[in-house]
N, C-alpha and C. Protein backbone atom coordinates (compact mmCIF):
# COMPACT_ATOMS: atom_id res chain seq x y z
N MET A 1 1.22 -0.91 0.34
CA MET A 1 0.32 0.12 0.03
C MET A 1 0.93 1.13 -0.13
N GLU A 2 0.45 1.91 -0.58
CA GLU A 2 1.53 3.33 -0.62
C GLU A 2 0.25 4.81 -0.14
N TYR A 3 0.87 4.87 0.73
CA TYR A 3 0.09 6.37 1.21
C TYR A 3 1.16 7.80 0.66
N GLN A 4 -0.36 8.41 0.16
CA GLN A 4 0.33 10.40 -0.31
C GLN A 4 1.03 11.00 0.56
N VAL A 5 2.49 11.31 1.28
CA VAL A 5 2.53 12.10 2.31
C VAL A 5 2.44 13.67 1.99
N PRO A 6 1.86 14.76 2.72
CA PRO A 6 1.63 15.83 2.72
C PRO A 6 2.99 16.47 2.46
N GLN A 7 3.25 17.53 1.32
CA GLN A 7 4.69 18.04 1.30
C GLN A 7 4.05 19.42 1.60
N PHE A 8 5.13 20.30 1.85
CA PHE A 8 4.78 21.96 2.00
C PHE A 8 4.09 22.24 3.14
N ILE A 9 4.30 21.53 3.95
CA ILE A 9 2.63 21.54 4.80
C ILE A 9 3.06 23.11 5.44
N ASP A 10 4.17 23.70 5.79
CA ASP A 10 4.51 24.91 6.87
C ASP A 10 3.90 26.18 5.28
N VAL A 11 4.04 25.79 4.18
CA VAL A 11 3.07 27.40 3.55
C VAL A 11 1.97 26.88 3.39
N GLU A 12 2.07 28.47 3.71
CA GLU A 12 0.07 29.16 3.98
C GLU A 12 -0.42 28.97 2.57
N ASP A 13 -2.09 28.86 2.97
CA ASP A 13 -2.31 28.78 1.24
C ASP A 13 -2.79 30.36 0.67
N ARG A 14 -2.46 30.54 -0.39
CA ARG A 14 -3.04 31.94 -1.03
C ARG A 14 -4.47 31.86 -0.95
N ILE A 15 -4.86 32.87 -0.43
CA ILE A 15 -6.40 32.73 -0.51
C ILE A 15 -7.32 33.47 -1.41
N ILE A 16 -6.63 35.16 -0.77
CA ILE A 16 -6.72 36.43 -2.14
C ILE A 16 -5.67 36.93 -2.47
N GLY A 17 -6.00 36.33 -3.68
CA GLY A 17 -4.99 36.66 -4.72
C GLY A 17 -3.22 36.38 -3.95
N PRO A 18 -2.45 36.92 -4.76
CA PRO A 18 -0.88 36.84 -4.03
C PRO A 18 -0.47 36.38 -2.41
N LEU A 19 -2.00 36.84 -1.99
CA LEU A 19 -2.06 37.23 -0.15
C LEU A 19 -2.90 36.03 0.41
N THR A 20 -1.96 35.84 1.53
CA THR A 20 -2.53 35.09 2.24
C THR A 20 -3.35 35.48 3.34
N LEU A 21 -4.09 34.76 4.20
CA LEU A 21 -5.14 35.21 4.68
C LEU A 21 -4.90 35.96 6.00
N LYS A 22 -3.92 36.02 6.73
CA LYS A 22 -3.15 37.07 7.50
C LYS A 22 -2.75 38.39 7.00
N GLN A 23 -1.68 37.82 5.94
CA GLN A 23 -1.70 39.11 5.21
C GLN A 23 -2.78 40.07 4.76
N PHE A 24 -3.19 39.43 4.06
CA PHE A 24 -4.44 40.24 3.51
C PHE A 24 -5.44 40.95 4.98
N ILE A 25 -5.57 40.31 6.45
CA ILE A 25 -5.68 40.86 7.30
C ILE A 25 -5.15 41.64 7.69
N TYR A 26 -4.24 41.98 7.82
CA TYR A 26 -2.87 43.23 8.11
C TYR A 26 -3.33 44.02 7.01
N ILE A 27 -3.26 43.81 6.00
CA ILE A 27 -3.09 45.37 4.99
C ILE A 27 -4.70 45.45 4.88
N ALA A 28 -5.87 44.83 4.53
CA ALA A 28 -6.88 45.63 4.87
C ALA A 28 -7.19 46.21 5.77
N GLY A 29 -6.94 45.74 7.74
CA GLY A 29 -7.33 46.61 8.46
C GLY A 29 -6.00 48.28 8.58
N ALA A 30 -4.76 48.04 8.09
CA ALA A 30 -4.47 49.54 7.98
C ALA A 30 -4.64 50.05 6.91
N GLY A 31 -5.37 49.82 5.45
CA GLY A 31 -5.71 50.17 4.61
C GLY A 31 -6.90 50.75 5.38
N GLY A 32 -8.25 50.27 6.05
CA GLY A 32 -9.56 50.79 6.87
C GLY A 32 -9.01 51.86 7.72
N LEU A 33 -7.81 51.70 8.74
CA LEU A 33 -8.18 52.71 9.75
C LEU A 33 -6.94 53.84 8.81
N CYS A 34 -6.15 53.57 7.42
CA CYS A 34 -5.94 54.82 6.99
C CYS A 34 -6.87 55.83 6.35
N ILE A 35 -7.85 55.09 5.76
CA ILE A 35 -8.94 55.58 5.19
C ILE A 35 -10.08 56.47 5.88
N ILE A 36 -10.21 55.95 7.82
CA ILE A 36 -10.93 56.43 8.36
C ILE A 36 -10.14 57.88 8.91
N PHE A 37 -8.52 57.72 9.40
CA PHE A 37 -7.87 59.24 9.53
C PHE A 37 -8.24 59.81 8.72
N PHE A 38 -8.14 59.55 6.76
CA PHE A 38 -8.37 60.50 6.16
C PHE A 38 -9.59 61.14 5.84
N VAL A 39 -10.25 60.48 6.79
CA VAL A 39 -11.88 61.21 6.34
C VAL A 39 -12.10 62.37 7.87
N TYR A 40 -11.73 61.55 8.98
CA TYR A 40 -11.93 62.45 9.99
C TYR A 40 -11.14 63.26 10.02
N LEU A 41 -9.70 63.21 9.80
CA LEU A 41 -8.77 64.15 10.25
C LEU A 41 -8.12 65.03 9.34
N PRO A 42 -7.64 66.09 9.75
CA PRO A 42 -7.09 66.59 8.35
C PRO A 42 -5.96 66.10 8.25
N ILE A 43 -5.34 66.39 6.58
CA ILE A 43 -4.71 65.48 6.12
C ILE A 43 -3.71 65.16 6.54
N VAL A 44 -2.88 66.42 7.09
CA VAL A 44 -1.18 66.51 7.43
C VAL A 44 -1.55 65.61 8.74
N PHE A 45 -2.44 65.50 9.51
CA PHE A 45 -2.60 64.52 10.83
C PHE A 45 -2.80 62.75 10.18
N ALA A 46 -3.67 63.12 9.37
CA ALA A 46 -3.92 61.96 8.84
C ALA A 46 -2.76 61.22 8.19
N LEU A 47 -1.79 61.73 7.69
CA LEU A 47 -0.57 61.44 6.98
C LEU A 47 -0.01 60.86 8.17
N LEU A 48 0.47 62.05 9.15
CA LEU A 48 1.12 61.10 9.95
C LEU A 48 1.11 60.18 11.07
N PHE A 49 -0.17 60.05 10.93
CA PHE A 49 -0.32 58.45 11.74
C PHE A 49 -0.83 57.78 10.86
N SER A 50 -0.45 57.56 9.62
CA SER A 50 -0.91 56.60 8.21
C SER A 50 0.53 56.00 7.94
N VAL A 51 1.58 56.80 8.14
CA VAL A 51 2.75 56.10 8.00
C VAL A 51 3.42 55.19 8.78
N PRO A 52 3.04 55.59 9.72
CA PRO A 52 3.54 54.25 11.04
C PRO A 52 2.51 53.09 10.47
N ILE A 53 1.38 53.77 10.50
CA ILE A 53 0.42 51.89 10.60
C ILE A 53 0.83 51.27 9.79
N VAL A 54 0.86 52.00 8.54
CA VAL A 54 1.29 51.02 6.93
C VAL A 54 2.71 50.37 7.33
N ALA A 55 3.54 51.07 7.45
CA ALA A 55 4.98 50.46 7.93
C ALA A 55 4.76 49.43 8.78
N LEU A 56 3.60 49.26 9.95
CA LEU A 56 3.85 48.30 10.85
C LEU A 56 2.51 47.28 10.33
N ALA A 57 1.76 47.33 9.16
CA ALA A 57 0.88 46.16 8.60
C ALA A 57 1.83 45.51 7.68
N VAL A 58 2.77 46.67 7.11
CA VAL A 58 3.96 46.04 5.86
C VAL A 58 4.91 45.06 6.64
N ALA A 59 5.55 45.29 7.81
CA ALA A 59 6.66 44.62 8.29
C ALA A 59 5.49 43.42 8.81
N LEU A 60 4.26 43.59 9.15
CA LEU A 60 3.76 42.40 10.00
C LEU A 60 3.24 40.91 9.00
N ALA A 61 2.74 41.67 7.58
CA ALA A 61 2.52 40.80 6.27
C ALA A 61 3.54 40.06 5.61
N PHE A 62 4.32 40.99 5.56
CA PHE A 62 5.78 40.42 4.79
C PHE A 62 7.16 40.23 5.54
N TYR A 63 7.27 41.00 6.19
CA TYR A 63 8.81 40.44 7.08
C TYR A 63 8.92 39.59 7.57
N LYS A 64 10.04 38.58 7.32
CA LYS A 64 10.27 38.14 8.42
C LYS A 64 12.46 37.98 8.89
N MET A 65 12.19 37.67 10.27
CA MET A 65 13.37 37.52 10.97
C MET A 65 13.76 36.51 11.37
N ASN A 66 15.11 35.71 10.79
CA ASN A 66 15.58 34.43 10.95
C ASN A 66 14.40 33.62 10.53
N GLY A 67 13.65 34.03 9.54
CA GLY A 67 12.92 32.93 8.90
C GLY A 67 11.31 32.85 10.09
N LYS A 68 11.77 34.18 11.38
CA LYS A 68 10.16 33.95 11.63
C LYS A 68 9.30 35.30 11.58
N PRO A 69 8.07 34.83 11.89
CA PRO A 69 7.53 36.23 11.33
C PRO A 69 7.35 37.53 12.18
N PHE A 70 6.95 38.71 11.65
CA PHE A 70 7.63 39.51 12.57
C PHE A 70 6.53 39.63 13.82
N ILE A 71 5.90 39.13 13.74
CA ILE A 71 4.66 39.23 14.60
C ILE A 71 4.57 38.59 16.16
N GLU A 72 5.50 37.53 15.83
CA GLU A 72 5.97 36.34 16.67
C GLU A 72 7.43 37.11 17.33
N ILE A 73 8.04 37.91 16.69
CA ILE A 73 9.48 39.33 16.71
C ILE A 73 8.47 39.88 17.84
N LEU A 74 7.57 40.55 17.89
CA LEU A 74 6.89 41.53 18.83
C LEU A 74 6.26 40.90 19.78
N GLU A 75 6.04 39.71 19.88
CA GLU A 75 5.47 38.56 20.87
C GLU A 75 6.51 38.81 21.69
N ALA A 76 7.61 38.26 21.75
CA ALA A 76 8.62 37.74 22.36
C ALA A 76 8.83 38.94 22.81
N SER A 77 9.01 40.17 22.22
CA SER A 77 9.86 41.23 22.73
C SER A 77 8.92 41.95 23.79
N PHE A 78 7.74 41.87 23.30
CA PHE A 78 6.85 42.52 24.29
C PHE A 78 6.60 41.35 26.10
N ASN A 79 6.84 40.07 25.89
CA ASN A 79 6.65 39.38 27.19
C ASN A 79 7.96 39.62 27.80
N TYR A 80 9.14 40.04 26.73
CA TYR A 80 10.31 39.86 27.27
C TYR A 80 10.35 41.48 28.26
N TYR A 81 10.06 42.39 27.22
CA TYR A 81 10.08 43.72 28.35
C TYR A 81 8.68 43.77 29.76
N THR A 82 7.76 42.72 29.39
CA THR A 82 7.14 42.70 30.58
C THR A 82 6.67 41.75 31.74
N GLY A 83 7.87 40.80 31.35
CA GLY A 83 7.91 39.84 32.32
C GLY A 83 9.02 39.82 33.25
N ALA A 84 9.12 39.35 34.77
CA ALA A 84 9.44 39.45 35.68
C ALA A 84 11.52 38.60 35.40
N LYS A 85 11.87 39.49 35.77
CA LYS A 85 13.53 38.94 35.40
C LYS A 85 14.07 38.50 36.03
N LEU A 86 14.69 37.59 36.30
CA LEU A 86 15.55 36.05 37.09
C LEU A 86 16.93 36.73 37.32
N PHE A 87 16.98 37.67 38.14
CA PHE A 87 18.59 37.81 38.84
C PHE A 87 18.94 36.92 39.75
N LEU A 88 20.19 36.24 39.27
CA LEU A 88 21.26 35.05 40.15
C LEU A 88 22.10 35.99 40.86
N TRP A 89 22.50 36.88 40.74
CA TRP A 89 23.59 37.34 41.66
C TRP A 89 23.68 38.85 41.28
N LYS A 90 23.65 39.77 42.86
CA LYS A 90 23.62 40.59 42.25
C LYS A 90 24.83 41.19 43.76
N HIS A 91 25.88 42.33 43.08
CA HIS A 91 26.80 42.46 44.09
C HIS A 91 26.52 43.56 45.45
N GLU A 92 26.74 43.35 46.39
CA GLU A 92 26.49 44.32 46.83
C GLU A 92 27.79 44.57 48.08
N VAL A 93 28.18 46.08 47.38
CA VAL A 93 29.62 46.17 48.54
C VAL A 93 29.02 46.26 50.25
N PRO A 94 29.53 45.97 50.80
CA PRO A 94 29.64 45.79 52.89
C PRO A 94 29.61 47.37 52.50
N LYS A 95 28.81 47.31 53.47
CA LYS A 95 29.01 49.03 54.25
C LYS A 95 29.97 48.97 55.37
N GLU A 96 30.54 49.67 55.60
CA GLU A 96 32.04 50.43 56.89
C GLU A 96 30.99 49.48 58.33
N LYS A 97 30.14 49.54 58.53
CA LYS A 97 29.33 49.20 59.76
C LYS A 97 29.61 48.09 60.14
N GLU A 98 28.91 47.10 58.17
CA GLU A 98 28.73 45.65 58.80
C GLU A 98 30.15 44.73 58.03
N ARG A 99 31.18 45.31 58.51
CA ARG A 99 32.33 44.95 58.62
C ARG A 99 32.56 43.39 59.86
N THR A 100 33.00 42.80 59.15
CA THR A 100 33.34 41.42 60.65
C THR A 100 34.57 41.47 60.35
N PRO A 101 35.21 40.53 61.27
CA PRO A 101 36.67 40.16 61.41
C PRO A 101 37.00 39.05 60.59
N ALA A 102 36.08 38.56 59.74
CA ALA A 102 36.61 37.44 58.65
C ALA A 102 36.64 38.59 57.40
N THR A 103 35.79 39.45 57.32
CA THR A 103 35.88 40.17 56.01
C THR A 103 37.13 41.25 55.92
N GLU A 104 37.66 41.49 57.22
CA GLU A 104 38.89 42.01 57.37
C GLU A 104 39.96 41.15 57.06
N ALA A 105 39.83 40.32 57.36
CA ALA A 105 40.86 39.42 57.08
C ALA A 105 41.31 39.50 55.91
N ALA A 106 40.14 38.41 55.05
CA ALA A 106 39.88 38.49 53.32
C ALA A 106 40.76 39.55 52.90
N ASP A 107 40.04 41.21 53.27
CA ASP A 107 40.60 41.88 52.36
C ASP A 107 41.97 42.02 52.73
N ARG A 108 42.29 41.38 54.16
CA ARG A 108 44.43 42.00 54.29
C ARG A 108 44.83 40.65 53.52
N ALA A 109 44.33 40.10 53.61
CA ALA A 109 44.99 38.78 52.67
C ALA A 109 45.21 38.95 50.70
N ALA A 110 43.90 39.51 50.52
CA ALA A 110 43.76 40.08 49.15
C ALA A 110 45.12 41.22 48.73
N ARG A 111 45.17 42.08 49.62
CA ARG A 111 45.94 43.07 49.56
C ARG A 111 47.90 42.67 49.17
N SER A 112 47.71 41.40 50.70
CA SER A 112 48.86 41.02 50.27
C SER A 112 50.01 40.01 49.24
N ALA A 113 48.24 38.92 48.73
CA ALA A 113 48.67 38.85 47.35
C ALA A 113 48.92 39.37 46.47
N ARG A 114 48.30 40.42 46.42
CA ARG A 114 48.36 41.96 44.90
C ARG A 114 49.86 41.92 45.11
N GLY A 115 50.61 42.42 46.13
CA GLY A 115 51.81 42.55 46.19
C GLY A 115 53.02 41.51 46.15
N ALA A 116 52.34 39.97 46.40
CA ALA A 116 53.39 39.32 46.36
C ALA A 116 53.88 39.09 44.62
N PRO A 117 55.49 38.19 44.86
CA PRO A 117 55.42 38.30 43.29
C PRO A 117 55.10 37.12 42.79
N LYS A 118 55.12 36.83 41.21
CA LYS A 118 54.31 35.68 40.96
C LYS A 118 55.78 34.46 40.76
N LEU A 119 55.10 33.43 40.90
CA LEU A 119 55.72 32.45 40.64
C LEU A 119 55.11 31.33 40.04
N THR A 120 56.43 31.72 38.90
CA THR A 120 56.29 30.49 37.48
C THR A 120 56.95 29.46 37.80
N ARG A 121 56.40 28.47 36.67
CA ARG A 121 56.93 27.07 36.90
C ARG A 121 58.64 26.89 36.94
N GLY A 122 59.61 27.95 35.88
CA GLY A 122 60.94 27.70 36.02
C GLY A 122 61.31 28.32 38.08
N LYS A 123 60.80 28.71 38.58
CA LYS A 123 61.20 29.28 39.91
C LYS A 123 60.77 28.43 40.80
N LEU A 124 59.40 27.97 40.39
CA LEU A 124 58.95 26.93 41.54
C LEU A 124 59.97 25.81 41.17
N SER A 125 60.17 25.11 39.73
CA SER A 125 61.35 23.96 39.72
C SER A 125 62.69 24.53 40.68
N GLU A 126 63.16 25.44 40.45
CA GLU A 126 64.36 26.03 41.08
C GLU A 126 64.64 25.69 42.36
N LEU A 127 63.21 26.07 42.70
CA LEU A 127 62.97 26.31 44.36
C LEU A 127 62.91 24.94 44.93
N ALA A 128 62.24 24.11 44.02
CA ALA A 128 62.37 22.39 44.81
C ALA A 128 63.40 21.80 44.84
N TRP A 129 64.47 21.82 43.79
CA TRP A 129 65.99 21.51 43.36
C TRP A 129 66.54 21.87 44.28
N SER A 130 66.13 23.17 44.85
CA SER A 130 67.61 24.03 46.08
C SER A 130 67.03 23.40 47.26
N LEU A 131 66.37 23.16 47.54
CA LEU A 131 65.10 22.10 48.88
C LEU A 131 65.38 20.94 48.87
N ASP A 132 65.98 19.99 47.58
CA ASP A 132 66.35 19.05 47.69
C ASP A 132 67.63 18.58 48.00
N VAL A 133 68.59 19.58 47.51
CA VAL A 133 69.99 19.63 47.61
C VAL A 133 70.34 19.57 48.58
N LYS A 134 69.60 20.75 49.78
CA LYS A 134 69.99 21.32 50.78
C LYS A 134 69.53 20.10 51.92
N SER A 135 68.36 19.67 51.71
CA SER A 135 68.12 18.60 52.24
C SER A 135 68.77 17.69 52.63
N ARG A 136 69.49 17.13 51.53
CA ARG A 136 70.21 16.13 51.01
C ARG A 136 71.84 16.33 51.93
N ASN A 137 72.39 17.80 51.51
CA ASN A 137 73.33 17.98 52.47
C ASN A 137 73.38 18.10 53.84
N ASP A 138 72.07 18.62 53.85
CA ASP A 138 71.61 18.19 56.17
C ASP A 138 71.46 17.13 56.53
N LEU A 139 71.24 15.86 55.26
CA LEU A 139 71.13 14.47 56.13
C LEU A 139 73.12 14.29 56.09
N LYS A 140 73.75 14.32 55.31
CA LYS A 140 75.11 13.80 55.34
C LYS A 140 75.66 14.40 56.37
N ASN A 141 75.40 15.39 56.70
CA ASN A 141 76.40 16.44 58.00
C ASN A 141 76.26 16.19 58.99
């Protein structure tokens, strides 16, 4: 038995000319809103309000960012800006009154570590060799 497997299932059907139903609704809604603006407002204000609405409608109907429709990008950005943020760590500088002996000791250790000379691999091996030689000489005496 052979079965036909549907192909191109991610492509929306073209219903009204070259436009899908969503694209037609976006463009028709923006066109209707612009007509209302031009009927009830002076032409300067109508143009001022119509340009961003037409731009948004064209972006919603045709623009895709990284293969995703613009409406999904708008939804994700809205959810991000209005949603709660999770902060895992906030650095707070301790106040002078809240200093404990442990924090003072840690500060002193950090300051002394900054001024300490750096120990490289060569210096470390030389130090280990000199300790081995001196300890063997001490055992012989």
